[in-house]
Every structure is written in C-alpha cells, then in structure tokens.
C-alpha cells in the first residue's frame, strides 16, 4: 500500500464558483454580502454618502448662559477642614507603607519620591492646591488627612489598603481650607 498525496481538483466545481470565504455568494439581490451590511454596521446603504457622517454642524452657543462645572464643594463633602495661614497651607505627608510613594504638587513641583516609613513637610503652598500620590509598587493607598496642631498645617497619613473603595490618589485644599480626596 502506498501513501501519498490525495489529488484535489484545482478547478472549482460548479456549486463552489463565486463563493466567498464564509460561503457567501454574490447574487443580484445582494451583490455585496457581508455582516457589515446588517445593523448596526450598515452605514453604506442606499442613499448614504461616505464621509457625510463626519461633518458636523457647529452648535450655536446659548446666549446669556455660561456652562460651568460644579465646584468640588458642590459634589462632595470635604474630608476635613484646616485653618489656613494667610491663604497658605503646609502639608506633612507621612508614609506608613513600606513602599516608595511618588507625589507631586500640581503646578508647583516635579514628581518626587517619599521613601517607605518616612515623612516630608511641604511648606508655604498657595491655595487652592492639588497634591497627587501613587505607590511605586502599584498598591492601593488609604489617605487620611487631619488638621495639625498649628494653623495652616495638614497631616496626611498614607497607609496600605486592599480595599479599592478606600484607594485615593489626589488631594485638593480649597482657598477656604476644605480638603477633598479623590
């Protein structure tokens, strides 16, 4: 017995002619069979001009009305409040994790690193001010702000957490001393 290649005809049989990859055959009723001719992909139907969906008419402005997002104090209650010293705040970041934390005072400093089990005090920050923080190992942070003993000082304790609902990465101190976490 000899094993070999089985001959396969190269010329398609009559019932195979015109078949597409999925077996679709063009017909006078549907010369371009495809799933993309069915909703929700059927953009290229009769009467549709390609590119016409990308041209949008400008929306006229509403006269006499300025749209403005709500202020942070309208969205959530502050986590705490501090008394500011001449509109300035001092923030003591206390890293109680073993991981290094990257922090930045937005618009004031470049990203900096706070080593695990250490602290740093950021002095004379003009309010409103936003501070961001992130564990370098990608872990979650529980952030606990509390007013310091002196005016204008905010003690911010950073601890590890496994609860995603407690994870925070930004803190904002408003000009009125309200502190918000996000």
N, C-alpha and C. Protein backbone atom coordinates (compact mmCIF):
# COMPACT_ATOMS: atom_id res chain seq x y z
N UNK A 1 0.85 -1.18 0.00
CA UNK A 1 0.00 0.00 0.00
C UNK A 1 0.88 1.23 0.00
N UNK A 2 0.52 2.16 -0.83
CA UNK A 2 1.34 3.34 -0.99
C UNK A 2 0.57 4.55 -0.45
N UNK A 3 1.25 5.29 0.45
CA UNK A 3 0.64 6.51 0.99
C UNK A 3 1.15 7.67 0.16
N UNK A 4 0.32 8.60 -0.08
CA UNK A 4 0.75 9.73 -0.88
C UNK A 4 -0.22 10.88 -0.76
N UNK A 5 -0.10 11.73 -1.67
CA UNK A 5 -0.95 12.92 -1.69
C UNK A 5 -2.25 12.57 -2.40
N UNK A 6 -3.33 12.99 -1.81
CA UNK A 6 -4.64 12.78 -2.41
C UNK A 6 -4.86 13.89 -3.41
N UNK A 7 -5.24 13.59 -4.60
CA UNK A 7 -5.45 14.65 -5.60
C UNK A 7 -6.68 15.48 -5.25
N UNK A 8 -6.52 16.77 -5.31
CA UNK A 8 -7.62 17.71 -5.06
C UNK A 8 -7.76 18.55 -6.32
N UNK A 9 -8.98 18.67 -6.83
CA UNK A 9 -9.14 19.44 -8.07
C UNK A 9 -8.85 20.91 -7.83
N UNK A 10 -8.11 21.51 -8.76
CA UNK A 10 -7.78 22.92 -8.68
C UNK A 10 -8.89 23.76 -9.26
N UNK A 11 -9.61 23.22 -10.17
CA UNK A 11 -10.71 23.94 -10.79
C UNK A 11 -11.93 23.75 -9.90
N UNK A 12 -12.57 24.88 -9.46
CA UNK A 12 -13.73 24.73 -8.58
C UNK A 12 -14.89 24.04 -9.28
N UNK A 13 -15.62 23.31 -8.51
CA UNK A 13 -16.81 22.64 -9.02
C UNK A 13 -17.91 23.68 -9.23
N UNK A 14 -18.93 23.39 -10.01
CA UNK A 14 -19.96 24.39 -10.31
C UNK A 14 -20.62 24.98 -9.07
N UNK A 15 -20.86 24.18 -8.04
CA UNK A 15 -21.53 24.70 -6.84
C UNK A 15 -20.57 25.52 -5.96
N UNK A 16 -19.25 25.51 -6.27
CA UNK A 16 -18.28 26.27 -5.49
C UNK A 16 -17.98 27.63 -6.09
N UNK A 17 -18.31 27.84 -7.34
CA UNK A 17 -17.96 29.09 -8.02
C UNK A 17 -18.67 30.28 -7.37
N UNK A 18 -17.89 31.35 -7.15
CA UNK A 18 -18.46 32.58 -6.61
C UNK A 18 -18.62 32.59 -5.11
N UNK A 19 -18.19 31.55 -4.46
CA UNK A 19 -18.33 31.52 -3.01
C UNK A 19 -17.26 32.37 -2.36
N UNK A 20 -17.63 33.08 -1.34
CA UNK A 20 -16.66 33.86 -0.57
C UNK A 20 -16.05 33.01 0.52
N UNK A 21 -15.32 33.63 1.41
CA UNK A 21 -14.66 32.92 2.48
C UNK A 21 -15.67 32.20 3.36
N UNK A 22 -16.75 32.84 3.68
CA UNK A 22 -17.75 32.23 4.54
C UNK A 22 -18.83 31.52 3.75
N UNK A 23 -18.65 31.35 2.45
CA UNK A 23 -19.63 30.67 1.63
C UNK A 23 -20.66 31.60 1.05
N UNK A 24 -20.49 32.92 1.26
CA UNK A 24 -21.45 33.85 0.71
C UNK A 24 -21.24 33.93 -0.80
N UNK A 25 -22.29 33.96 -1.50
CA UNK A 25 -22.20 34.08 -2.95
C UNK A 25 -22.90 35.35 -3.38
N UNK A 26 -22.25 36.15 -4.22
CA UNK A 26 -22.93 37.34 -4.71
C UNK A 26 -24.18 36.94 -5.48
N UNK A 27 -25.19 37.75 -5.36
CA UNK A 27 -26.42 37.49 -6.08
C UNK A 27 -26.97 38.82 -6.56
N UNK A 28 -27.92 38.78 -7.49
CA UNK A 28 -28.50 40.05 -7.95
C UNK A 28 -29.18 40.80 -6.81
N UNK A 29 -29.69 40.09 -5.80
CA UNK A 29 -30.36 40.76 -4.69
C UNK A 29 -29.38 41.41 -3.72
N UNK A 30 -28.23 40.77 -3.52
CA UNK A 30 -27.23 41.31 -2.60
C UNK A 30 -25.85 41.13 -3.24
N UNK A 31 -25.42 42.09 -4.06
CA UNK A 31 -24.15 41.94 -4.75
C UNK A 31 -22.94 42.04 -3.83
N UNK A 32 -23.14 42.47 -2.60
CA UNK A 32 -22.02 42.62 -1.67
C UNK A 32 -22.41 42.00 -0.33
N UNK A 33 -22.46 40.68 -0.22
CA UNK A 33 -22.90 40.06 1.03
C UNK A 33 -21.85 40.23 2.12
N UNK A 34 -22.29 40.63 3.29
CA UNK A 34 -21.37 40.83 4.40
C UNK A 34 -22.16 41.16 5.65
N UNK A 35 -21.61 40.82 6.81
CA UNK A 35 -22.25 41.20 8.07
C UNK A 35 -22.27 42.72 8.22
N UNK A 36 -21.34 43.39 7.52
CA UNK A 36 -21.27 44.83 7.64
C UNK A 36 -22.39 45.52 6.87
N UNK A 37 -23.22 44.76 6.19
CA UNK A 37 -24.40 45.32 5.54
C UNK A 37 -25.64 45.16 6.41
N UNK A 38 -25.44 44.67 7.63
CA UNK A 38 -26.54 44.48 8.57
C UNK A 38 -26.37 45.43 9.74
N UNK A 39 -27.48 45.81 10.40
CA UNK A 39 -27.36 46.70 11.56
C UNK A 39 -26.48 46.07 12.62
N UNK A 40 -25.70 46.80 13.36
CA UNK A 40 -25.54 48.25 13.35
C UNK A 40 -24.43 48.73 12.43
N UNK A 41 -23.90 47.84 11.59
CA UNK A 41 -22.76 48.19 10.75
C UNK A 41 -23.15 48.67 9.36
N UNK A 42 -24.41 48.78 9.07
CA UNK A 42 -24.88 49.04 7.71
C UNK A 42 -24.87 50.53 7.37
N UNK A 43 -23.75 51.16 7.49
CA UNK A 43 -23.64 52.58 7.17
C UNK A 43 -23.67 52.82 5.66
N UNK A 44 -23.22 51.87 4.88
CA UNK A 44 -23.10 52.07 3.44
C UNK A 44 -24.31 51.51 2.69
N UNK A 45 -25.48 51.91 3.08
CA UNK A 45 -26.70 51.51 2.40
C UNK A 45 -27.05 52.57 1.36
N UNK A 46 -28.10 52.29 0.59
CA UNK A 46 -28.54 53.24 -0.43
C UNK A 46 -28.79 54.62 0.18
N UNK A 47 -28.32 55.64 -0.49
CA UNK A 47 -28.55 57.00 -0.04
C UNK A 47 -27.49 57.52 0.91
N UNK A 48 -26.62 56.66 1.36
CA UNK A 48 -25.56 57.08 2.29
C UNK A 48 -24.35 57.54 1.50
N UNK A 49 -23.80 58.66 1.85
CA UNK A 49 -22.61 59.18 1.20
C UNK A 49 -21.46 59.03 2.16
N UNK A 50 -20.44 58.22 1.80
CA UNK A 50 -19.30 58.04 2.71
C UNK A 50 -18.68 59.38 3.09
N UNK A 51 -18.38 59.54 4.37
CA UNK A 51 -17.78 60.77 4.86
C UNK A 51 -18.79 61.80 5.33
N UNK A 52 -20.08 61.60 4.98
CA UNK A 52 -21.07 62.60 5.37
C UNK A 52 -21.35 62.58 6.86
N UNK A 53 -21.04 61.46 7.53
CA UNK A 53 -21.31 61.38 8.96
C UNK A 53 -20.24 62.09 9.78
N UNK A 54 -19.13 62.46 9.18
CA UNK A 54 -18.05 63.09 9.93
C UNK A 54 -18.14 64.61 9.92
N UNK A 55 -19.01 65.15 9.09
CA UNK A 55 -19.15 66.59 9.03
C UNK A 55 -20.29 67.00 9.94
N UNK A 56 -19.94 67.70 11.02
CA UNK A 56 -20.95 68.09 11.98
C UNK A 56 -21.17 69.59 11.90
N UNK A 57 -22.39 69.98 12.11
CA UNK A 57 -22.71 71.39 12.13
C UNK A 57 -22.35 71.95 13.49
N UNK A 58 -21.75 73.15 13.54
CA UNK A 58 -21.42 73.72 14.85
C UNK A 58 -22.69 74.01 15.64
N UNK A 59 -22.62 73.80 16.93
CA UNK A 59 -23.73 74.07 17.82
C UNK A 59 -23.69 75.53 18.21
N UNK A 60 -24.77 76.25 17.98
CA UNK A 60 -24.75 77.66 18.36
C UNK A 60 -24.72 77.81 19.88
N UNK A 61 -23.96 78.79 20.39
CA UNK A 61 -23.91 78.98 21.84
C UNK A 61 -25.25 79.48 22.37
N UNK A 62 -25.54 79.11 23.59
CA UNK A 62 -26.75 79.59 24.26
C UNK A 62 -26.44 80.98 24.79
N UNK A 63 -27.18 81.95 24.30
CA UNK A 63 -26.87 83.33 24.67
C UNK A 63 -27.23 83.61 26.13
N UNK A 64 -26.34 84.35 26.79
CA UNK A 64 -26.58 84.78 28.16
C UNK A 64 -26.38 83.70 29.21
N UNK A 65 -25.85 82.55 28.81
CA UNK A 65 -25.70 81.46 29.78
C UNK A 65 -24.31 80.84 29.61
N UNK A 66 -23.58 80.76 30.69
CA UNK A 66 -22.25 80.17 30.67
C UNK A 66 -22.31 78.84 31.41
N UNK A 67 -21.88 77.78 30.73
CA UNK A 67 -21.86 76.47 31.37
C UNK A 67 -20.57 76.32 32.15
N UNK A 68 -20.70 75.92 33.39
CA UNK A 68 -19.55 75.78 34.26
C UNK A 68 -19.73 74.52 35.11
N UNK A 69 -18.69 73.70 35.23
CA UNK A 69 -18.85 72.51 36.08
C UNK A 69 -19.04 72.91 37.53
N UNK A 70 -19.69 72.06 38.30
CA UNK A 70 -19.89 72.39 39.71
C UNK A 70 -18.56 72.42 40.45
N UNK A 71 -18.48 73.29 41.43
CA UNK A 71 -17.27 73.37 42.26
C UNK A 71 -17.16 72.10 43.09
N UNK A 72 -15.93 71.72 43.49
CA UNK A 72 -15.77 70.48 44.28
C UNK A 72 -16.64 70.43 45.52
N UNK A 73 -16.84 71.56 46.18
CA UNK A 73 -17.64 71.54 47.40
C UNK A 73 -19.11 71.26 47.11
N UNK A 74 -19.54 71.40 45.85
CA UNK A 74 -20.91 71.07 45.49
C UNK A 74 -21.06 69.59 45.16
N UNK A 75 -19.96 68.90 44.92
CA UNK A 75 -20.01 67.50 44.53
C UNK A 75 -19.89 66.55 45.71
N UNK A 76 -19.11 66.90 46.70
CA UNK A 76 -18.90 66.00 47.84
C UNK A 76 -18.60 66.82 49.08
N UNK A 77 -18.79 66.19 50.21
CA UNK A 77 -18.44 66.83 51.47
C UNK A 77 -16.92 66.77 51.64
N UNK A 78 -16.33 67.80 52.24
CA UNK A 78 -14.88 67.75 52.47
C UNK A 78 -14.52 66.66 53.47
N UNK A 79 -13.34 66.08 53.29
CA UNK A 79 -12.84 65.06 54.23
C UNK A 79 -12.51 65.70 55.57
N UNK A 80 -12.00 66.92 55.52
CA UNK A 80 -11.70 67.70 56.73
C UNK A 80 -11.54 69.15 56.30
N UNK A 81 -11.31 70.02 57.28
CA UNK A 81 -11.05 71.44 57.02
C UNK A 81 -9.86 71.86 57.86
N UNK A 82 -9.09 72.80 57.32
CA UNK A 82 -7.99 73.36 58.10
C UNK A 82 -8.08 74.87 58.07
N UNK A 83 -7.52 75.50 59.10
CA UNK A 83 -7.39 76.95 59.11
C UNK A 83 -6.11 77.28 58.37
N UNK A 84 -6.23 78.10 57.34
CA UNK A 84 -5.07 78.47 56.53
C UNK A 84 -4.33 79.63 57.17
N UNK A 85 -3.04 79.72 56.90
CA UNK A 85 -2.21 80.83 57.37
C UNK A 85 -1.97 81.76 56.18
N UNK A 86 -2.73 82.86 56.11
CA UNK A 86 -2.63 83.81 55.01
C UNK A 86 -2.83 83.15 53.65
N UNK A 87 -3.80 82.24 53.57
CA UNK A 87 -4.10 81.57 52.31
C UNK A 87 -3.12 80.49 51.93
N UNK A 88 -2.20 80.16 52.82
CA UNK A 88 -1.18 79.15 52.53
C UNK A 88 -1.37 77.94 53.43
N UNK A 89 -0.92 76.79 52.91
CA UNK A 89 -1.02 75.54 53.67
C UNK A 89 0.34 74.86 53.73
N UNK A 90 0.58 74.18 54.82
CA UNK A 90 1.74 73.30 54.97
C UNK A 90 1.19 71.88 55.08
N UNK A 91 1.73 70.99 54.27
CA UNK A 91 1.24 69.61 54.25
C UNK A 91 2.35 68.69 54.70
N UNK A 92 2.07 67.91 55.75
CA UNK A 92 3.02 66.90 56.20
C UNK A 92 2.54 65.55 55.68
N UNK A 93 3.28 64.99 54.72
CA UNK A 93 2.97 63.67 54.19
C UNK A 93 3.69 62.62 55.02
N UNK A 94 2.95 61.68 55.57
CA UNK A 94 3.51 60.62 56.42
C UNK A 94 3.27 59.29 55.72
N UNK A 95 4.34 58.67 55.25
CA UNK A 95 4.25 57.40 54.52
C UNK A 95 4.38 56.25 55.51
N UNK A 96 3.27 55.63 55.87
CA UNK A 96 3.29 54.49 56.78
C UNK A 96 3.37 53.15 56.04
N UNK A 97 3.59 53.20 54.72
CA UNK A 97 3.75 51.96 53.96
C UNK A 97 5.24 51.63 53.89
N UNK A 98 5.54 50.44 53.42
CA UNK A 98 6.94 50.07 53.18
C UNK A 98 7.36 50.42 51.75
N UNK A 99 6.41 50.87 50.95
CA UNK A 99 6.67 51.18 49.54
C UNK A 99 7.02 52.65 49.36
N UNK A 100 7.84 52.94 48.36
CA UNK A 100 8.09 54.33 47.99
C UNK A 100 6.83 54.88 47.34
N UNK A 101 6.58 56.17 47.59
CA UNK A 101 5.40 56.84 47.04
C UNK A 101 5.87 58.03 46.23
N UNK A 102 5.35 58.14 45.01
CA UNK A 102 5.62 59.31 44.18
C UNK A 102 4.53 60.33 44.46
N UNK A 103 4.93 61.57 44.75
CA UNK A 103 3.95 62.63 44.99
C UNK A 103 4.34 63.85 44.18
N UNK A 104 3.36 64.71 43.92
CA UNK A 104 3.60 65.93 43.16
C UNK A 104 2.60 66.99 43.57
N UNK A 105 3.09 68.20 43.76
CA UNK A 105 2.22 69.35 43.97
C UNK A 105 2.00 69.92 42.57
N UNK A 106 0.79 69.78 42.07
CA UNK A 106 0.50 70.16 40.69
C UNK A 106 0.74 71.65 40.49
N UNK A 107 1.53 71.96 39.45
CA UNK A 107 1.85 73.34 39.12
C UNK A 107 2.93 73.94 39.99
N UNK A 108 3.50 73.16 40.91
CA UNK A 108 4.49 73.68 41.85
C UNK A 108 5.77 72.86 41.85
N UNK A 109 5.66 71.54 41.86
CA UNK A 109 6.85 70.69 41.91
C UNK A 109 6.79 69.63 40.82
N UNK A 110 7.92 69.09 40.50
CA UNK A 110 8.01 67.91 39.66
C UNK A 110 7.69 66.71 40.55
N UNK A 111 7.43 65.54 39.95
CA UNK A 111 7.21 64.34 40.78
C UNK A 111 8.42 64.07 41.68
N UNK A 112 8.15 63.74 42.93
CA UNK A 112 9.19 63.43 43.91
C UNK A 112 8.88 62.09 44.55
N UNK A 113 9.89 61.51 45.20
CA UNK A 113 9.71 60.22 45.85
C UNK A 113 9.81 60.36 47.36
N UNK A 114 8.85 59.77 48.05
CA UNK A 114 8.85 59.69 49.50
C UNK A 114 9.08 58.23 49.87
N UNK A 115 10.22 57.97 50.50
CA UNK A 115 10.58 56.59 50.85
C UNK A 115 9.58 56.01 51.85
N UNK A 116 9.51 54.68 51.85
CA UNK A 116 8.64 54.00 52.80
C UNK A 116 9.04 54.31 54.23
N UNK A 117 8.04 54.39 55.11
CA UNK A 117 8.24 54.67 56.54
C UNK A 117 9.00 55.97 56.78
N UNK A 118 8.65 57.02 56.00
CA UNK A 118 9.28 58.33 56.21
C UNK A 118 8.22 59.41 56.03
N UNK A 119 8.62 60.66 56.24
CA UNK A 119 7.68 61.77 56.07
C UNK A 119 8.40 62.98 55.50
N UNK A 120 7.61 63.91 54.98
CA UNK A 120 8.14 65.15 54.42
C UNK A 120 7.09 66.24 54.66
N UNK A 121 7.54 67.48 54.84
CA UNK A 121 6.62 68.60 55.01
C UNK A 121 6.77 69.55 53.83
N UNK A 122 5.67 69.82 53.17
CA UNK A 122 5.62 70.76 52.05
C UNK A 122 5.13 72.09 52.63
N UNK A 123 5.94 73.12 52.52
CA UNK A 123 5.65 74.39 53.21
C UNK A 123 5.26 75.51 52.24
N UNK A 124 4.38 76.38 52.73
CA UNK A 124 4.02 77.60 52.01
C UNK A 124 3.31 77.39 50.69
N UNK A 125 2.44 76.41 50.63
CA UNK A 125 1.72 76.14 49.38
C UNK A 125 0.52 77.07 49.26
N UNK A 126 0.44 77.78 48.14
CA UNK A 126 -0.70 78.65 47.88
C UNK A 126 -1.93 77.81 47.59
N UNK A 127 -3.06 78.22 48.14
CA UNK A 127 -4.30 77.50 47.89
C UNK A 127 -5.11 78.26 46.83
N UNK A 128 -5.91 77.58 46.05
CA UNK A 128 -6.14 76.14 46.08
C UNK A 128 -4.93 75.38 45.57
N UNK A 129 -4.74 74.16 46.10
CA UNK A 129 -3.59 73.34 45.72
C UNK A 129 -4.03 71.88 45.61
N UNK A 130 -3.43 71.18 44.64
CA UNK A 130 -3.71 69.76 44.44
C UNK A 130 -2.41 68.98 44.56
N UNK A 131 -2.46 67.91 45.35
CA UNK A 131 -1.31 67.02 45.51
C UNK A 131 -1.74 65.63 45.05
N UNK A 132 -0.91 65.02 44.21
CA UNK A 132 -1.18 63.65 43.77
C UNK A 132 -0.16 62.72 44.41
N UNK A 133 -0.54 61.47 44.60
CA UNK A 133 0.37 60.48 45.17
C UNK A 133 0.03 59.11 44.62
N UNK A 134 1.08 58.28 44.49
CA UNK A 134 0.91 56.94 43.94
C UNK A 134 2.01 56.04 44.45
N UNK A 135 1.63 54.86 44.90
CA UNK A 135 2.63 53.88 45.33
C UNK A 135 3.39 53.39 44.10
N UNK A 136 4.70 53.34 44.21
CA UNK A 136 5.50 52.91 43.07
C UNK A 136 5.34 51.42 42.78
N UNK A 137 4.88 50.65 43.76
CA UNK A 137 4.67 49.22 43.52
C UNK A 137 3.26 48.93 42.99
N UNK A 138 2.48 50.00 42.74
CA UNK A 138 1.14 49.85 42.18
C UNK A 138 0.07 49.51 43.19
N UNK A 139 0.41 49.44 44.48
CA UNK A 139 -0.56 49.11 45.51
C UNK A 139 -1.54 50.24 45.77
N UNK A 140 -2.56 49.95 46.56
CA UNK A 140 -3.60 50.92 46.88
C UNK A 140 -3.22 51.73 48.11
N UNK A 141 -3.69 52.99 48.14
CA UNK A 141 -3.38 53.89 49.25
C UNK A 141 -4.64 54.37 49.95
N UNK A 142 -4.64 54.27 51.27
CA UNK A 142 -5.67 54.89 52.08
C UNK A 142 -5.07 56.19 52.60
N UNK A 143 -5.73 57.29 52.31
CA UNK A 143 -5.22 58.62 52.65
C UNK A 143 -6.09 59.20 53.75
N UNK A 144 -5.45 59.61 54.85
CA UNK A 144 -6.19 60.16 55.99
C UNK A 144 -5.65 61.54 56.32
N UNK A 145 -6.37 62.61 55.93
CA UNK A 145 -5.93 63.96 56.29
C UNK A 145 -6.54 64.38 57.62
N UNK A 146 -5.77 65.12 58.42
CA UNK A 146 -6.32 65.70 59.65
C UNK A 146 -5.57 66.99 59.93
N UNK A 147 -6.28 67.97 60.49
CA UNK A 147 -5.63 69.24 60.79
C UNK A 147 -4.52 69.05 61.82
N UNK A 148 -3.41 69.77 61.60
CA UNK A 148 -2.31 69.72 62.55
C UNK A 148 -2.61 70.59 63.76
N UNK A 149 -1.69 70.58 64.72
CA UNK A 149 -1.88 71.38 65.93
C UNK A 149 -1.69 72.87 65.66
N UNK A 150 -0.89 73.21 64.66
CA UNK A 150 -0.65 74.61 64.32
C UNK A 150 -1.54 75.02 63.15
N UNK A 151 -1.83 76.32 63.07
CA UNK A 151 -2.63 76.85 61.97
C UNK A 151 -1.93 76.62 60.64
N UNK A 152 -2.71 76.18 59.65
CA UNK A 152 -2.17 76.01 58.30
C UNK A 152 -1.49 74.69 58.04
N UNK A 153 -1.44 73.79 59.04
CA UNK A 153 -0.78 72.50 58.85
C UNK A 153 -1.82 71.40 58.68
N UNK A 154 -1.59 70.57 57.67
CA UNK A 154 -2.44 69.41 57.42
C UNK A 154 -1.55 68.17 57.45
N UNK A 155 -1.87 67.25 58.35
CA UNK A 155 -1.13 65.99 58.43
C UNK A 155 -1.87 64.96 57.57
N UNK A 156 -1.15 64.38 56.62
CA UNK A 156 -1.75 63.42 55.70
C UNK A 156 -1.03 62.09 55.86
N UNK A 157 -1.74 61.11 56.41
CA UNK A 157 -1.17 59.78 56.63
C UNK A 157 -1.51 58.90 55.44
N UNK A 158 -0.50 58.24 54.89
CA UNK A 158 -0.66 57.34 53.75
C UNK A 158 -0.41 55.91 54.23
N UNK A 159 -1.44 55.07 54.11
CA UNK A 159 -1.35 53.68 54.56
C UNK A 159 -1.72 52.74 53.42
N UNK A 160 -1.24 51.49 53.54
CA UNK A 160 -1.62 50.46 52.57
C UNK A 160 -3.07 50.06 52.81
N UNK A 161 -3.75 49.68 51.73
CA UNK A 161 -5.09 49.14 51.83
C UNK A 161 -5.29 48.11 50.72
N UNK A 162 -6.21 47.20 50.95
CA UNK A 162 -6.58 46.26 49.90
C UNK A 162 -7.99 46.54 49.40
N UNK A 163 -8.63 47.56 49.99
CA UNK A 163 -9.99 47.93 49.63
C UNK A 163 -9.95 48.99 48.54
N UNK A 164 -10.38 48.63 47.35
CA UNK A 164 -10.35 49.57 46.23
C UNK A 164 -11.23 50.79 46.49
N UNK A 165 -12.25 50.67 47.34
CA UNK A 165 -13.11 51.80 47.66
C UNK A 165 -12.42 52.83 48.55
N UNK A 166 -11.34 52.44 49.22
CA UNK A 166 -10.58 53.37 50.06
C UNK A 166 -9.40 53.99 49.32
N UNK A 167 -9.07 53.47 48.15
CA UNK A 167 -7.91 53.93 47.40
C UNK A 167 -8.09 55.38 46.94
N UNK A 168 -7.09 56.20 47.21
CA UNK A 168 -7.10 57.61 46.81
C UNK A 168 -5.77 57.95 46.15
N UNK A 169 -5.82 58.90 45.21
CA UNK A 169 -4.59 59.28 44.50
C UNK A 169 -4.41 60.79 44.39
N UNK A 170 -5.37 61.57 44.90
CA UNK A 170 -5.24 63.03 44.82
C UNK A 170 -5.94 63.68 46.00
N UNK A 171 -5.42 64.84 46.37
CA UNK A 171 -6.00 65.62 47.46
C UNK A 171 -5.99 67.08 47.03
N UNK A 172 -7.07 67.79 47.32
CA UNK A 172 -7.16 69.21 46.97
C UNK A 172 -7.54 69.99 48.22
N UNK A 173 -6.82 71.07 48.44
CA UNK A 173 -7.15 72.01 49.52
C UNK A 173 -7.67 73.27 48.84
N UNK A 174 -8.90 73.63 49.14
CA UNK A 174 -9.51 74.83 48.57
C UNK A 174 -9.08 76.07 49.35
N UNK A 175 -9.37 77.23 48.79
CA UNK A 175 -8.99 78.50 49.42
C UNK A 175 -9.67 78.74 50.75
N UNK A 176 -10.78 78.03 51.01
CA UNK A 176 -11.48 78.18 52.29
C UNK A 176 -11.02 77.14 53.32
N UNK A 177 -10.02 76.31 52.96
CA UNK A 177 -9.50 75.31 53.88
C UNK A 177 -10.15 73.94 53.79
N UNK A 178 -11.14 73.79 52.91
CA UNK A 178 -11.78 72.49 52.72
C UNK A 178 -10.81 71.54 52.02
N UNK A 179 -10.77 70.30 52.51
CA UNK A 179 -9.87 69.29 51.96
C UNK A 179 -10.71 68.19 51.31
N UNK A 180 -10.41 67.90 50.05
CA UNK A 180 -11.14 66.89 49.30
C UNK A 180 -10.18 65.81 48.83
N UNK A 181 -10.64 64.56 48.90
CA UNK A 181 -9.85 63.43 48.43
C UNK A 181 -10.50 62.84 47.19
N UNK A 182 -9.66 62.33 46.32
CA UNK A 182 -10.15 61.66 45.13
C UNK A 182 -9.26 60.48 44.84
